[in-house]
Amino acid sequence: MFDYDLLVIGSGPGGQKAAIAGAKLGRRVAVVEKKHMVGGVCINTGTIPSKTLREAILYLTGLNQRELYGHSYRLKDDITVGDLSARTQHVIGREIDVIRSQLARNHVEMLLGTARFEDPHMVAITAADGSVRRVTAERAVIAVGTRPARPSTVAFDGKNIVDSDQILDMERIPGSMVVVGAGVIGIEYASMFAALGAKVTVVEKRERMLDFCDLEIVEALKYQLRDLAVTFRFRETVARVEHSNGATLTILESGKRIPADTVMYSAGRQGVTDSLDLEKAGLSADDRGRIKVDNYYRTPVDHIYAVGDVIGFPALAATSMEQGRRAAYHACDEPVVGDLGHLQPIGIYTIPEISYVGKTEEELTESNVPFEVGISRYRELARGAILGDSYGMLKLLVHAEDRTLLGVHVFGTGATELVHIGQTVMGCGGTIDYLVDTVFNYPTLAESYKVAALDAMNKMRAVQRFAGTQGVLEAP
């Protein structure tokens, strides 16, 4: 009855994993994607380019080595856009090849073009040459991703006033920059260009940045960014941006004026659903282009699923991959154990980086959960001294009664890798006793878990000793 058992629209992380999972389960699967966007936003304009850019900046500036060799240390004095883009293009090309190979090996057909629904089971695919092909599918997964949201009042020119996609195509490294929006993307790019030596000003209408993260960790990041000469303007709103002779002037509602070479807007993301003709499939999207789904990533139309950034928070490549796999399993009547729950790690690739899993101190306090904090600082570790990282830290939140691990927050070198040790302990329902009693390689950053666990344990023992003393004093 249908051309395909499963049709996936979009080849980003969620779409890839959905397609391959369906193929592994023996279904006839196809992926629809534009020819120049294989791998989706993640590979071409988002995660992979930005993280590769970050790695190139860290290497060429020698930033991580300055505690050892002095603050004037730099691997290359005159860093150019070409230096940065060469590494980025190499990685993008390699990743696209890997994706094509994976899909081909699993006999997933690639349909090149732009998809739109004609009815709940039929999709029309318009190729680059204008030709249209119509295919039918029993089930579909929408994984079209997002694009940068653009305020209609801003005159983006792709050179001096840019969004987070256009910043990757810059012709030169700006000497000064205004970043509008202190979300994940805005702060990541602010830290990168500050590391390159640009004078960066971050404008944010909220009272703080990254308000979903642990406050102590965010304060540590803010301190390091200020050390890189980043200026923060919180509770401020941009009134307008003026552009003349290759320079910009950002005027805030408060009357402040900030001159800069470049202004980058990071005002959230917009789902790429406007060209899908969702109404013909019986679906709709909200004002941000996002599609509503249930716990199985199923839309209100039972045979159509949606995964990845297009369904909203957390909008991370890692989570999108698992969402795609789970959606395909459910579509193919394959059981999936549990849900993603609260153990999804969050990684923020600022300089230095942040990663966490589980609850924050604020959340536990609001829920009246008794907890103790264990902290390990990289400067206490031999590995921290070897790396030249004296600012990093690992923070454990431990239930004060049953000693289970409730949250892990890491700041500094290797944070996005290190967090997974705590994630595993939490996923297995473990306590800090395991971290106290186990042996970690030395010297490693992983050793910080043992130090932090001992710190929390010692604090809990002090409370127990006090309680025991009180019991003796109150005895008749």
Protein backbone atom coordinates (compact mmCIF):
# COMPACT_ATOMS: atom_id res chain seq x y z
CA MET A 1 0.00 0.00 0.00
CA PHE A 2 2.88 2.42 0.77
CA ASP A 3 6.22 3.22 -0.85
CA TYR A 4 7.94 3.14 2.53
CA ASP A 5 7.22 1.81 5.99
CA LEU A 6 8.93 4.83 7.58
CA LEU A 7 9.69 8.20 6.01
CA VAL A 8 12.02 10.53 7.93
CA ILE A 9 12.00 14.23 7.05
CA GLY A 10 15.38 15.66 8.00
CA SER A 11 18.83 14.06 8.32
CA GLY A 12 20.07 15.71 11.51
CA PRO A 13 20.90 13.70 14.66
CA GLY A 14 17.27 12.79 15.38
CA GLY A 15 16.47 11.92 11.77
CA GLN A 16 19.61 9.82 11.29
CA LYS A 17 18.99 7.70 14.37
CA ALA A 18 15.30 7.28 13.58
CA ALA A 19 16.08 6.11 10.04
CA ILE A 20 18.82 3.69 11.08
CA ALA A 21 16.75 2.30 13.96
CA GLY A 22 13.84 1.65 11.58
CA ALA A 23 16.16 -0.01 9.07
CA LYS A 24 17.69 -2.22 11.77
CA LEU A 25 14.17 -3.39 12.59
CA GLY A 26 13.69 -4.52 8.98
CA ARG A 27 11.51 -1.66 7.73
CA ARG A 28 11.74 0.08 4.34
CA VAL A 29 13.06 3.53 5.25
CA ALA A 30 13.82 6.73 3.36
CA VAL A 31 15.17 10.11 4.46
CA VAL A 32 14.24 13.40 2.81
CA GLU A 33 16.91 16.11 2.90
CA LYS A 34 18.14 19.03 0.80
CA LYS A 35 21.29 18.20 -1.16
CA HIS A 36 23.45 20.80 0.59
CA MET A 37 22.16 19.99 4.08
CA VAL A 38 22.97 16.29 4.55
CA GLY A 39 23.51 15.91 8.29
CA GLY A 40 21.11 18.75 9.04
CA VAL A 41 21.80 21.93 10.95
CA CYS A 42 23.92 19.99 13.45
CA ILE A 43 26.59 19.13 10.88
CA ASN A 44 26.41 22.14 8.58
CA THR A 45 25.74 25.27 10.66
CA GLY A 46 25.26 24.27 14.30
CA THR A 47 26.86 21.86 16.72
CA ILE A 48 29.77 20.47 14.69
CA PRO A 49 31.00 23.77 13.13
CA SER A 50 30.74 25.70 16.40
CA LYS A 51 32.47 23.02 18.49
CA THR A 52 35.20 22.61 15.87
CA LEU A 53 35.64 26.39 15.81
CA ARG A 54 36.01 26.31 19.60
CA GLU A 55 38.68 23.62 19.40
CA ALA A 56 40.60 25.56 16.75
CA ILE A 57 40.47 28.71 18.88
CA LEU A 58 41.73 26.91 21.98
CA TYR A 59 44.60 25.39 20.01
CA LEU A 60 45.70 28.46 18.07
CA THR A 61 45.40 30.93 20.96
CA GLY A 62 47.13 28.57 23.41
CA LEU A 63 44.60 29.74 25.99
CA ASN A 64 44.69 26.54 28.04
CA GLN A 65 48.48 26.69 28.34
CA ARG A 66 48.81 30.23 29.66
CA GLU A 67 48.89 29.27 33.32
CA LEU A 68 51.98 27.22 32.53
CA TYR A 69 53.75 29.42 29.98
CA GLY A 70 52.51 32.91 30.84
CA HIS A 71 49.62 35.10 29.75
CA SER A 72 51.41 36.25 26.61
CA TYR A 73 51.69 32.67 25.30
CA ARG A 74 50.07 32.17 21.88
CA LEU A 75 50.64 29.45 19.31
CA LYS A 76 49.93 31.82 16.38
CA ASP A 77 50.09 35.59 16.63
CA ASP A 78 47.94 36.51 13.64
CA ILE A 79 44.97 34.14 13.58
CA THR A 80 42.86 34.46 10.42
CA VAL A 81 39.42 33.27 9.39
CA GLY A 82 41.17 30.83 7.07
CA ASP A 83 42.98 29.25 10.01
CA LEU A 84 39.68 28.65 11.75
CA SER A 85 37.58 27.59 8.76
CA ALA A 86 40.10 25.05 7.41
CA ARG A 87 39.61 22.79 10.41
CA THR A 88 35.86 23.35 10.43
CA GLN A 89 35.40 22.43 6.75
CA HIS A 90 37.54 19.33 7.16
CA VAL A 91 35.41 18.04 10.04
CA ILE A 92 32.12 18.89 8.31
CA GLY A 93 33.18 17.02 5.16
CA ARG A 94 34.25 13.99 7.15
CA GLU A 95 31.00 13.88 9.14
CA ILE A 96 28.85 14.15 6.00
CA ASP A 97 30.75 11.19 4.52
CA VAL A 98 30.16 9.18 7.69
CA ILE A 99 26.42 9.90 7.62
CA ARG A 100 26.08 8.99 3.95
CA SER A 101 27.97 5.77 4.58
CA GLN A 102 25.86 4.82 7.60
CA LEU A 103 22.59 5.39 5.74
CA ALA A 104 23.82 3.48 2.66
CA ARG A 105 25.06 0.54 4.76
CA ASN A 106 21.65 0.24 6.35
CA HIS A 107 19.86 0.49 2.97
CA VAL A 108 18.18 3.78 3.85
CA GLU A 109 17.24 5.61 0.67
CA MET A 110 18.14 9.31 0.47
CA LEU A 111 15.52 11.45 -1.28
CA LEU A 112 17.06 14.83 -2.11
CA GLY A 113 14.78 17.87 -1.95
CA THR A 114 12.32 19.78 0.21
CA ALA A 115 9.35 17.91 1.66
CA ARG A 116 5.77 19.04 2.14
CA PHE A 117 2.70 17.05 3.11
CA GLU A 118 -0.12 16.55 0.62
CA ASP A 119 -2.12 14.38 3.00
CA PRO A 120 -1.33 12.46 6.23
CA HIS A 121 0.43 9.68 4.29
CA MET A 122 1.71 11.44 1.16
CA VAL A 123 4.71 13.75 0.89
CA ALA A 124 5.75 15.77 -2.17
CA ILE A 125 9.50 16.25 -2.56
CA THR A 126 10.69 19.22 -4.62
CA ALA A 127 14.24 18.78 -5.96
CA ALA A 128 16.72 21.58 -6.63
CA ASP A 129 15.78 21.58 -10.34
CA GLY A 130 12.09 22.10 -9.50
CA SER A 131 10.94 18.57 -10.29
CA VAL A 132 8.47 17.03 -7.85
CA ARG A 133 8.29 13.44 -6.68
CA ARG A 134 5.44 12.11 -4.54
CA VAL A 135 5.94 9.25 -2.10
CA THR A 136 3.71 7.58 0.47
CA ALA A 137 4.63 6.19 3.87
CA GLU A 138 2.82 4.23 6.54
CA ARG A 139 4.54 6.22 9.27
CA ALA A 140 6.61 9.41 9.31
CA VAL A 141 9.10 11.15 11.57
CA ILE A 142 9.51 14.92 11.35
CA ALA A 143 13.06 15.92 12.26
CA VAL A 144 13.48 19.18 10.37
CA GLY A 145 15.30 21.06 13.13
CA THR A 146 15.40 24.82 13.63
CA ARG A 147 16.94 28.02 12.32
CA PRO A 148 17.94 31.16 14.24
CA ALA A 149 14.96 33.33 15.21
CA ARG A 150 15.30 36.77 13.64
CA PRO A 151 13.58 39.87 15.07
CA SER A 152 11.77 41.65 12.23
CA THR A 153 13.13 45.00 13.41
CA VAL A 154 16.76 44.01 12.82
CA ALA A 155 18.40 44.54 9.41
CA PHE A 156 20.65 41.48 9.16
CA ASP A 157 23.29 41.91 6.47
CA GLY A 158 25.37 38.76 7.05
CA LYS A 159 28.54 40.81 7.66
CA ASN A 160 28.19 43.28 10.51
CA ILE A 161 24.77 42.28 11.84
CA VAL A 162 24.51 38.50 11.89
CA ASP A 163 22.73 35.55 13.44
CA SER A 164 24.42 32.46 14.89
CA ASP A 165 24.47 30.70 11.49
CA GLN A 166 25.99 33.64 9.61
CA ILE A 167 28.77 34.13 12.16
CA LEU A 168 30.45 31.03 10.72
CA ASP A 169 30.78 32.78 7.33
CA MET A 170 32.50 35.91 8.65
CA GLU A 171 35.14 37.46 6.40
CA ARG A 172 37.37 38.61 9.25
CA ILE A 173 37.69 38.23 13.00
CA PRO A 174 36.04 41.28 14.59
CA GLY A 175 37.95 43.39 17.07
CA SER A 176 34.76 44.08 19.01
CA MET A 177 31.39 42.40 19.19
CA VAL A 178 27.98 42.77 20.80
CA VAL A 179 26.16 39.51 21.53
CA VAL A 180 22.43 39.96 22.03
CA GLY A 181 21.11 37.08 24.17
CA ALA A 182 22.89 35.20 26.97
CA GLY A 183 21.50 31.76 26.22
CA VAL A 184 23.65 28.74 25.42
CA ILE A 185 24.55 29.76 21.85
CA GLY A 186 25.14 33.41 22.71
CA ILE A 187 27.45 32.65 25.63
CA GLU A 188 29.33 29.98 23.68
CA TYR A 189 30.17 32.41 20.87
CA ALA A 190 30.85 35.26 23.30
CA SER A 191 33.49 33.15 25.04
CA MET A 192 35.06 32.02 21.75
CA PHE A 193 35.51 35.51 20.34
CA ALA A 194 36.71 36.82 23.69
CA ALA A 195 39.36 34.08 23.63
CA LEU A 196 40.42 35.38 20.18
CA GLY A 197 40.94 38.80 21.74
CA ALA A 198 37.73 40.54 20.67
CA LYS A 199 36.16 43.02 23.09
CA VAL A 200 32.77 41.39 23.72
CA THR A 201 29.66 42.88 25.31
CA VAL A 202 26.74 40.58 26.15
CA VAL A 203 23.28 42.15 26.35
CA GLU A 204 20.56 40.13 28.11
CA LYS A 205 17.07 41.20 29.19
CA ARG A 206 16.95 38.67 32.03
CA GLU A 207 18.70 39.10 35.40
CA ARG A 208 21.23 36.30 34.79
CA MET A 209 22.57 34.03 32.10
CA LEU A 210 21.98 30.28 31.80
CA ASP A 211 19.32 30.42 34.51
CA PHE A 212 18.69 26.66 34.28
CA CYS A 213 22.24 25.92 35.47
CA ASP A 214 23.60 25.80 39.00
CA LEU A 215 24.15 29.37 40.21
CA GLU A 216 27.61 28.70 41.67
CA ILE A 217 28.80 27.19 38.37
CA VAL A 218 27.39 30.12 36.37
CA GLU A 219 29.13 32.58 38.67
CA ALA A 220 32.42 30.74 38.13
CA LEU A 221 31.94 30.98 34.35
CA LYS A 222 31.04 34.65 34.58
CA TYR A 223 34.24 35.33 36.53
CA GLN A 224 36.36 33.60 33.87
CA LEU A 225 34.62 35.45 31.04
CA ARG A 226 35.16 38.78 32.75
CA ASP A 227 38.83 37.82 32.99
CA LEU A 228 38.70 37.55 29.16
CA ALA A 229 37.36 41.15 29.11
CA VAL A 230 33.70 40.23 28.48
CA THR A 231 31.27 42.94 29.64
CA PHE A 232 27.76 41.94 30.75
CA ARG A 233 24.67 44.14 30.46
CA PHE A 234 21.86 42.31 32.26
CA ARG A 235 18.26 43.59 32.46
CA GLU A 236 18.90 45.53 29.27
CA THR A 237 16.96 45.50 25.99
CA VAL A 238 18.18 46.55 22.55
CA ALA A 239 16.19 49.46 21.15
CA ARG A 240 17.87 49.45 17.75
CA VAL A 241 21.12 48.77 15.92
CA GLU A 242 22.58 51.35 13.56
CA HIS A 243 25.01 50.33 10.83
CA SER A 244 27.35 52.57 8.87
CA ASN A 245 30.74 52.27 7.14
CA GLY A 246 31.40 48.72 8.27
CA ALA A 247 30.67 49.43 11.95
CA THR A 248 27.64 49.19 14.23
CA LEU A 249 26.17 51.11 17.13
CA THR A 250 23.86 49.21 19.48
CA ILE A 251 21.46 51.50 21.33
CA LEU A 252 19.82 50.08 24.46
CA GLU A 253 16.45 51.07 25.91
CA SER A 254 18.31 52.50 28.91
CA GLY A 255 20.12 54.92 26.61
CA LYS A 256 23.50 53.15 26.64
CA ARG A 257 25.35 53.08 23.31
CA ILE A 258 27.78 50.31 22.42
CA PRO A 259 29.97 50.66 19.31
CA ALA A 260 31.28 47.41 17.80
CA ASP A 261 32.50 45.87 14.56
CA THR A 262 29.87 43.13 14.68
CA VAL A 263 26.52 42.48 16.36
CA MET A 264 25.42 38.86 16.71
CA TYR A 265 21.81 38.10 17.59
CA SER A 266 21.12 34.93 19.53
CA ALA A 267 17.40 35.30 20.10
CA GLY A 268 16.40 31.64 20.28
CA ARG A 269 15.51 29.21 17.52
CA GLN A 270 12.56 28.84 15.13
CA GLY A 271 11.30 25.44 13.96
CA VAL A 272 11.65 24.91 10.19
CA THR A 273 8.04 23.84 9.76
CA ASP A 274 6.60 26.67 7.67
CA SER A 275 7.24 24.86 4.35
CA LEU A 276 5.88 21.46 5.45
CA ASP A 277 2.16 22.26 4.91
CA LEU A 278 1.45 20.64 8.26
CA GLU A 279 -2.26 21.42 8.07
CA LYS A 280 -2.62 18.96 5.17
CA ALA A 281 -1.36 16.25 7.51
CA GLY A 282 -3.73 17.36 10.26
CA LEU A 283 -0.98 19.03 12.30
CA SER A 284 -0.05 22.52 13.45
CA ALA A 285 2.93 24.29 15.01
CA ASP A 286 3.14 27.03 17.65
CA ASP A 287 4.47 30.54 17.01
CA ARG A 288 8.03 29.22 17.35
CA GLY A 289 7.43 26.52 14.74
CA ARG A 290 7.45 23.73 17.34
CA ILE A 291 5.30 20.61 17.17
CA LYS A 292 3.62 19.13 20.23
CA VAL A 293 4.32 15.45 20.99
CA ASP A 294 3.55 12.90 23.72
CA ASN A 295 5.98 10.77 25.74
CA TYR A 296 6.51 8.52 22.69
CA TYR A 297 7.27 11.55 20.44
CA ARG A 298 3.97 10.95 18.68
CA THR A 299 2.09 13.97 17.33
CA PRO A 300 -1.72 14.33 17.54
CA VAL A 301 -1.76 12.35 14.26
CA ASP A 302 -0.96 8.85 15.54
CA HIS A 303 1.28 7.67 12.71
CA ILE A 304 3.37 10.87 12.55
CA TYR A 305 6.18 11.49 15.05
CA ALA A 306 8.44 14.48 15.68
CA VAL A 307 11.87 14.60 17.32
CA GLY A 308 14.79 16.94 17.93
CA ASP A 309 14.88 20.72 18.13
CA VAL A 310 11.52 21.01 16.39
CA ILE A 311 9.76 19.78 19.57
CA GLY A 312 11.57 22.24 21.86
CA PHE A 313 13.64 21.84 25.02
CA PRO A 314 16.29 20.59 25.55
CA ALA A 315 17.10 20.87 21.81
CA LEU A 316 20.44 19.10 22.07
CA ALA A 317 22.03 16.82 19.48
CA ALA A 318 22.54 14.07 22.08
CA THR A 319 18.93 14.08 23.22
CA SER A 320 17.67 14.32 19.65
CA MET A 321 19.52 11.11 18.75
CA GLU A 322 17.82 9.18 21.53
CA GLN A 323 14.45 10.74 20.74
CA GLY A 324 14.83 9.59 17.12
CA ARG A 325 15.67 6.04 18.15
CA ARG A 326 12.76 5.87 20.59
CA ALA A 327 10.29 7.33 18.08
CA ALA A 328 11.31 4.77 15.45
CA TYR A 329 11.02 1.91 17.94
CA HIS A 330 7.54 2.98 18.94
CA ALA A 331 6.52 3.45 15.30
CA CYS A 332 7.76 -0.08 14.57
CA ASP A 333 6.00 -1.56 17.63
CA GLU A 334 9.32 -2.29 19.33
CA PRO A 335 9.28 -1.89 23.14
CA VAL A 336 11.39 0.87 24.71
CA VAL A 337 12.33 0.68 28.38
CA GLY A 338 11.80 3.80 30.53
CA ASP A 339 12.00 7.39 29.36
CA LEU A 340 14.73 10.00 29.14
CA GLY A 341 13.65 11.51 32.48
CA HIS A 342 15.95 13.85 34.40
CA LEU A 343 19.19 12.03 33.57
CA GLN A 344 19.82 13.83 30.30
CA PRO A 345 23.24 15.48 30.53
CA ILE A 346 23.45 19.11 29.50
CA GLY A 347 26.71 20.21 27.87
CA ILE A 348 27.55 23.87 27.26
CA TYR A 349 30.69 24.42 25.19
CA THR A 350 31.73 27.75 26.54
CA ILE A 351 35.37 28.52 27.33
CA PRO A 352 35.67 27.00 29.94
CA GLU A 353 32.92 24.42 29.43
CA ILE A 354 30.00 23.45 31.69
CA SER A 355 28.12 20.20 32.02
CA TYR A 356 25.60 18.85 34.48
CA VAL A 357 23.08 16.10 35.06
CA GLY A 358 20.28 15.86 37.63
CA LYS A 359 19.04 18.55 39.99
CA THR A 360 20.44 21.93 40.95
CA GLU A 361 20.73 23.27 44.49
CA GLU A 362 17.85 25.66 43.82
CA GLU A 363 15.53 22.87 42.66
CA LEU A 364 16.33 20.66 45.66
CA THR A 365 15.83 23.56 48.09
CA GLU A 366 12.46 24.44 46.56
CA SER A 367 11.40 20.77 46.83
CA ASN A 368 12.52 20.59 50.49
CA VAL A 369 14.92 17.74 49.75
CA PRO A 370 17.69 17.46 52.39
CA PHE A 371 21.06 17.41 50.63
CA GLU A 372 24.75 17.90 51.19
CA VAL A 373 27.30 19.36 48.79
CA GLY A 374 30.67 17.82 48.00
CA ILE A 375 33.18 19.88 46.02
CA SER A 376 36.49 19.07 44.37
CA ARG A 377 38.60 21.80 42.78
CA TYR A 378 40.96 21.03 39.92
CA ARG A 379 43.75 22.93 41.64
CA GLU A 380 43.73 20.20 44.33
CA LEU A 381 44.34 17.50 41.72
CA ALA A 382 47.67 16.57 40.17
CA ARG A 383 45.96 16.34 36.77
CA GLY A 384 44.66 19.88 37.18
CA ALA A 385 48.20 21.12 37.74
CA ILE A 386 49.49 19.16 34.72
CA LEU A 387 46.76 20.66 32.51
CA GLY A 388 47.21 24.17 33.89
CA ASP A 389 43.56 24.36 34.99
CA SER A 390 43.27 25.92 38.44
CA TYR A 391 39.71 27.20 38.10
CA GLY A 392 37.82 23.95 37.29
CA MET A 393 35.56 22.28 39.82
CA LEU A 394 33.25 19.32 40.27
CA LYS A 395 30.22 19.56 42.54
CA LEU A 396 28.13 16.65 43.84
CA LEU A 397 24.66 17.04 45.36
CA VAL A 398 23.99 14.14 47.71
CA HIS A 399 20.81 13.14 49.55
CA ALA A 400 21.57 13.77 53.22
CA GLU A 401 19.72 10.64 54.38
CA ASP A 402 20.23 7.82 51.87
CA ARG A 403 23.45 9.24 50.25
CA THR A 404 22.13 8.82 46.70
CA LEU A 405 23.56 11.13 44.06
CA LEU A 406 21.02 13.81 43.09
CA GLY A 407 23.06 16.05 40.82
CA VAL A 408 26.50 16.44 39.26
CA HIS A 409 27.78 19.85 38.11
CA VAL A 410 31.16 20.27 36.41
CA PHE A 411 33.01 23.40 35.30
CA GLY A 412 36.34 23.40 33.51
CA THR A 413 38.47 21.19 31.28
CA GLY A 414 36.71 18.01 30.13
CA ALA A 415 33.43 18.86 31.89
CA THR A 416 31.27 17.39 29.12
CA GLU A 417 33.19 14.10 29.31
CA LEU A 418 33.54 13.95 33.09
CA VAL A 419 29.82 14.33 33.80
CA HIS A 420 29.04 10.85 32.45
CA ILE A 421 30.64 9.09 35.42
CA GLY A 422 28.10 10.71 37.71
CA GLN A 423 25.32 10.11 35.21
CA THR A 424 26.07 6.38 35.27
CA VAL A 425 26.11 6.22 39.07
CA MET A 426 22.78 8.05 39.18
CA GLY A 427 21.28 5.86 36.46
CA CYS A 428 22.15 2.76 38.49
CA GLY A 429 20.69 4.25 41.67
CA GLY A 430 24.13 4.36 43.28
CA THR A 431 25.29 6.26 46.34
CA ILE A 432 28.47 8.20 47.01
CA ASP A 433 29.74 5.16 48.92
CA TYR A 434 30.72 3.74 45.53
CA LEU A 435 32.71 6.87 44.68
CA VAL A 436 34.39 6.88 48.09
CA ASP A 437 35.38 3.20 47.96
CA THR A 438 36.40 2.84 44.30
CA VAL A 439 39.85 3.44 42.80
CA PHE A 440 40.33 6.02 40.05
CA ASN A 441 43.38 6.24 37.78
CA TYR A 442 45.97 8.75 38.97
CA PRO A 443 46.54 11.42 37.88
CA THR A 444 43.12 12.03 36.27
CA LEU A 445 40.30 14.54 36.47
CA ALA A 446 38.00 11.59 37.25
CA GLU A 447 39.68 11.47 40.64
CA SER A 448 37.66 14.61 41.45
CA TYR A 449 34.65 12.36 42.05
CA LYS A 450 36.40 10.65 44.95
CA VAL A 451 37.56 13.97 46.43
CA ALA A 452 34.05 15.49 46.17
CA ALA A 453 32.40 12.33 47.55
CA LEU A 454 34.75 12.34 50.55
CA ASP A 455 34.00 16.02 51.08
CA ALA A 456 30.24 15.33 51.18
CA MET A 457 30.69 12.25 53.36
CA ASN A 458 32.79 14.15 55.91
CA LYS A 459 30.15 16.87 56.14
CA MET A 460 27.41 14.29 56.75
CA ARG A 461 29.53 12.57 59.40
CA ALA A 462 29.96 15.91 61.19
CA VAL A 463 26.17 16.27 61.30
CA GLN A 464 25.80 12.70 62.60
CA ARG A 465 28.39 13.30 65.33
CA PHE A 466 26.57 16.42 66.41
CA ALA A 467 23.25 14.54 66.50
CA GLY A 468 24.87 11.77 68.57
CA THR A 469 26.30 14.30 71.02
CA GLN A 470 22.92 15.95 71.36
CA GLY A 471 21.37 12.57 72.14
CA VAL A 472 23.88 12.00 74.98
CA LEU A 473 23.31 15.46 76.45
CA GLU A 474 19.53 15.09 76.39
CA ALA A 475 19.51 11.59 77.93
CA PRO A 476 18.07 11.47 81.52
